[in-house]
């Protein structure tokens, strides 16, 4: 029983962390793109 709850919590945490990191990367690349004048487009 405890193992199932722990698995659910860990999967939820990893999903949230993954989305958080993706948002951070997107924001970082967008800011870099805007600062460089929008000339150099970076592919993901």
Protein backbone atom coordinates (compact mmCIF):
# COMPACT_ATOMS: atom_id res chain seq x y z
CA UNK A 1 0.00 0.00 0.00
CA UNK A 2 2.72 2.44 0.98
CA UNK A 3 4.76 1.53 -2.10
CA UNK A 4 1.84 2.40 -4.41
CA UNK A 5 1.37 5.80 -2.77
CA UNK A 6 5.11 6.49 -2.97
CA UNK A 7 5.15 5.55 -6.66
CA UNK A 8 2.25 7.93 -7.36
CA UNK A 9 3.92 10.76 -5.45
CA UNK A 10 7.26 10.22 -7.19
CA UNK A 11 5.69 10.10 -10.66
CA UNK A 12 3.74 13.30 -9.96
CA UNK A 13 6.86 15.04 -8.65
CA UNK A 14 8.93 14.00 -11.67
CA UNK A 15 6.19 15.23 -14.03
CA UNK A 16 5.98 18.60 -12.28
CA UNK A 17 9.78 18.92 -12.25
CA UNK A 18 9.94 18.04 -15.95
CA UNK A 19 7.37 20.68 -16.88
CA UNK A 20 9.12 23.24 -14.67
CA UNK A 21 12.47 22.61 -16.36
CA UNK A 22 10.89 22.78 -19.83
CA UNK A 23 9.27 26.13 -18.98
CA UNK A 24 12.60 27.46 -17.68
CA UNK A 25 14.40 26.43 -20.87
CA UNK A 26 11.70 27.96 -23.07
CA UNK A 27 11.84 31.23 -21.13
CA UNK A 28 15.66 31.28 -21.27
CA UNK A 29 15.77 30.70 -25.03
CA UNK A 30 13.02 33.24 -25.66
CA UNK A 31 14.86 35.88 -23.62
CA UNK A 32 18.14 35.12 -25.41
CA UNK A 33 16.32 35.29 -28.74
CA UNK A 34 14.81 38.69 -27.93
CA UNK A 35 18.08 40.10 -26.54
CA UNK A 36 19.96 39.18 -29.73
CA UNK A 37 17.50 41.20 -31.80
CA UNK A 38 15.56 38.19 -33.09
CA UNK A 39 18.12 37.47 -35.80
CA UNK A 40 19.54 34.15 -34.63
CA UNK A 41 16.77 31.61 -34.28
CA UNK A 42 17.73 28.68 -32.08
CA UNK A 43 16.23 25.31 -32.91
CA UNK A 44 15.18 23.12 -30.02
